[in-house]
Amino acid sequence: MIEKTKSPPSNLPHATPQARTQMTVDNLAIVFCPNLLRCTSDDPTVVMRNANREFKYVKELILAADFLR
């Protein structure tokens, strides 16, 4: 069974990554999404329609990363 820690390890800096890099979860998802998921269609309409779903999926993966490790 995976247990989620209640506090971050003490050896990590206390500043949040967002404060240092200005990268919110949304920004990270936008950057990582094209590298993690690729639409196989050549139709730009299909690619754009799927882009929002892909973004939401990657965002959820990032948000769940702490729980998944």
C-alpha atoms as a PDB file:
ATOM      1  CA  MET A   1       0.000   0.000   0.000  1.00  0.00           C
ATOM      2  CA  ILE A   2       1.277   3.474  -0.870  1.00  0.00           C
ATOM      3  CA  GLU A   3       1.218   6.000   1.925  1.00  0.00           C
ATOM      4  CA  LYS A   4       1.266   9.694   1.185  1.00  0.00           C
ATOM      5  CA  THR A   5       3.675  11.708   3.295  1.00  0.00           C
ATOM      6  CA  LYS A   6       2.165  14.564   5.272  1.00  0.00           C
ATOM      7  CA  SER A   7       5.109  16.941   4.880  1.00  0.00           C
ATOM      8  CA  PRO A   8       7.915  17.275   2.336  1.00  0.00           C
ATOM      9  CA  PRO A   9      11.305  15.843   3.218  1.00  0.00           C
ATOM     10  CA  SER A  10      13.384  18.229   5.334  1.00  0.00           C
ATOM     11  CA  ASN A  11      16.231  18.350   2.802  1.00  0.00           C
ATOM     12  CA  LEU A  12      14.062  20.109   0.194  1.00  0.00           C
ATOM     13  CA  PRO A  13      14.087  23.916  -0.006  1.00  0.00           C
ATOM     14  CA  HIS A  14      11.041  25.538   1.536  1.00  0.00           C
ATOM     15  CA  ALA A  15      10.363  27.886  -1.395  1.00  0.00           C
ATOM     16  CA  THR A  16       7.814  26.497  -3.784  1.00  0.00           C
ATOM     17  CA  PRO A  17       9.081  25.763  -7.300  1.00  0.00           C
ATOM     18  CA  GLN A  18       6.457  28.127  -8.681  1.00  0.00           C
ATOM     19  CA  ALA A  19       7.902  31.048  -6.714  1.00  0.00           C
ATOM     20  CA  ARG A  20      11.351  30.354  -8.144  1.00  0.00           C
ATOM     21  CA  THR A  21      10.501  29.415 -11.754  1.00  0.00           C
ATOM     22  CA  GLN A  22       7.129  31.155 -12.319  1.00  0.00           C
ATOM     23  CA  MET A  23       5.862  27.861 -13.747  1.00  0.00           C
ATOM     24  CA  THR A  24       2.382  27.014 -12.548  1.00  0.00           C
ATOM     25  CA  VAL A  25       0.865  23.562 -12.977  1.00  0.00           C
ATOM     26  CA  ASP A  26      -0.951  24.835 -16.059  1.00  0.00           C
ATOM     27  CA  ASN A  27       2.295  26.147 -17.583  1.00  0.00           C
ATOM     28  CA  LEU A  28       4.085  22.868 -16.908  1.00  0.00           C
ATOM     29  CA  ALA A  29       1.250  20.889 -18.468  1.00  0.00           C
ATOM     30  CA  ILE A  30       1.334  23.050 -21.596  1.00  0.00           C
ATOM     31  CA  VAL A  31       5.099  22.561 -21.950  1.00  0.00           C
ATOM     32  CA  PHE A  32       5.136  18.810 -21.253  1.00  0.00           C
ATOM     33  CA  CYS A  33       1.966  17.862 -23.112  1.00  0.00           C
ATOM     34  CA  PRO A  34       3.338  17.787 -26.683  1.00  0.00           C
ATOM     35  CA  ASN A  35       6.269  15.668 -25.528  1.00  0.00           C
ATOM     36  CA  LEU A  36       4.203  13.144 -23.595  1.00  0.00           C
ATOM     37  CA  LEU A  37       1.151  12.800 -25.834  1.00  0.00           C
ATOM     38  CA  ARG A  38       0.947  12.970 -29.607  1.00  0.00           C
ATOM     39  CA  CYS A  39      -2.180  13.053 -31.673  1.00  0.00           C
ATOM     40  CA  THR A  40      -1.711  10.691 -34.592  1.00  0.00           C
ATOM     41  CA  SER A  41      -4.103  12.587 -36.848  1.00  0.00           C
ATOM     42  CA  ASP A  42      -2.882  14.918 -39.599  1.00  0.00           C
ATOM     43  CA  ASP A  43      -6.131  16.887 -39.455  1.00  0.00           C
ATOM     44  CA  PRO A  44      -5.534  20.215 -37.609  1.00  0.00           C
ATOM     45  CA  THR A  45      -9.148  20.256 -36.428  1.00  0.00           C
ATOM     46  CA  VAL A  46      -8.718  16.919 -34.646  1.00  0.00           C
ATOM     47  CA  VAL A  47      -5.365  17.981 -33.195  1.00  0.00           C
ATOM     48  CA  MET A  48      -6.831  21.186 -31.748  1.00  0.00           C
ATOM     49  CA  ARG A  49      -9.909  19.380 -30.446  1.00  0.00           C
ATOM     50  CA  ASN A  50      -7.699  16.885 -28.612  1.00  0.00           C
ATOM     51  CA  ALA A  51      -5.248  19.499 -27.303  1.00  0.00           C
ATOM     52  CA  ASN A  52      -7.486  20.558 -24.407  1.00  0.00           C
ATOM     53  CA  ARG A  53      -8.121  16.966 -23.329  1.00  0.00           C
ATOM     54  CA  GLU A  54      -4.415  16.183 -23.516  1.00  0.00           C
ATOM     55  CA  PHE A  55      -3.597  19.310 -21.482  1.00  0.00           C
ATOM     56  CA  LYS A  56      -6.105  18.342 -18.771  1.00  0.00           C
ATOM     57  CA  TYR A  57      -4.723  14.792 -18.640  1.00  0.00           C
ATOM     58  CA  VAL A  58      -1.112  15.925 -18.233  1.00  0.00           C
ATOM     59  CA  LYS A  59      -2.187  18.488 -15.626  1.00  0.00           C
ATOM     60  CA  GLU A  60      -3.835  15.720 -13.593  1.00  0.00           C
ATOM     61  CA  LEU A  61      -0.670  13.605 -13.891  1.00  0.00           C
ATOM     62  CA  ILE A  62       1.401  16.493 -12.531  1.00  0.00           C
ATOM     63  CA  LEU A  63      -1.032  17.073  -9.677  1.00  0.00           C
ATOM     64  CA  ALA A  64      -1.016  13.358  -8.827  1.00  0.00           C
ATOM     65  CA  ALA A  65       2.787  13.034  -9.064  1.00  0.00           C
ATOM     66  CA  ASP A  66       3.292  13.534  -5.329  1.00  0.00           C
ATOM     67  CA  PHE A  67       0.795  10.786  -4.573  1.00  0.00           C
ATOM     68  CA  LEU A  68       2.191   8.421  -7.219  1.00  0.00           C
ATOM     69  CA  ARG A  69       5.808   8.435  -6.068  1.00  0.00           C
END
